[in-house]
Amino acid sequence: MEGPVNTRGAEDSPFITKDLNRFFFFFTPDVRVPLTEQLIDTVTDIWLSKKTGTSRTEPRRIYLESIECLNGSIFACEETLYLYLSEREILEKLIFSLLCIMGKKYTDTKNCGEDLNVTYDIGKFYISDDKTLLFYGNYNGNDYDLYYLTYKNGEWKDPTAIIELNTKKTEFQPCLTYDGNELWYTPDSRLGYTGHAVFRSKKTESGWGEPEEIISNFAEKPCVDSEGNIYFVHHFVDSSINIIEPDIYYCKKK
C-alpha cells in the first residue's frame, strides 16, 4: 500500500472494516528493537487510517485505555475493537475487547475470558459476519491447525477442527470473507517458495474445497474486504532469513 500507511517502519496485522472506512494496522519503527524498548517508544501501537474519497487520512495512534500494546492482531466489529496482544515478553498474552466511544477513544476495556485466552488460545481470529462462528489457529504441540468455535447461549463453544484444510504442517491466521464463501489463511508455501504463503479455500456443499496458493514469498495475515480485495503482510528478510521490515500490500479483485 502507498503512503500514508506504509513507511520506513514496520506495518503489520491489517484489518479493514466492512464499510471500508476504517483501516487498522500495527506499527513499530523497527522490529529489531527489543520489545521492552518498543513498549516505551510512544509510537509502537495500533494505528487507524480512515477513508476520505479515494484516499486515506494520515494514520493516528489508537490510545487504548489501560493497555500498552505490542504486536498483535486486530478485528473490528461495528463499534467494538478486538485485540489479540501477542509477542509480549513482559506482559501477559490476553485478548481484549474495547468499545469505541464517539469514534475517537477506545475505552471500557474488557478481558475476553479464560476460554478464548487459555482454553482455546485462539491467537489471530476472524468472526463471521452473522457473528455465529469464530475461526482461529490453535497450536497442537508441533504446529498450528485451523479451528472454529460456535456462538451459543452467549458463549463461544465446541472447538471444531477444519479437517479439509489441516495438514501435518502449519495452517493459521484465518480470514473469512464477509459472504462466508471463502476462507483465506497462512501455511508454508507448497509451490517451492521460501516462507509463508497466502491460501484460499472456497466453500462447497460438503465443507471447504481444495486450497489454492494465491500469494507466495513471505506473505501472511490475509484480510479480505467487503469488495473482495486482499490485504496482506509481506516480510522483507536478509540473507539469514531474519525479518528486516514487514509492509502491508494490497491486491484488487478483478
Foldseek 3Di string as FASTA:
>chain_A
DDPPQDDCWFWAAWEADQVRFKIKIFTFRWPPDDPVVSQPPVRGAIWIWGDDPPDIDRIDHADEPPDRAHDWHWDDDVQKIWTQGPPDPPDDTFIWIWGHDPVHHTYPIDTPDCCCCPVQVFGQWDAALVRFKIWGWGDPPQETFIWMFGQDPNDTDDTDTQVVPDDPFYWGLWEAARVRFKIKTWTADPVPEDDIFIKMWGADPVGTHDIDGDGHAQWGNWYAYNQGKIKIKHFDADPVRDTGHIDIDIGDDD
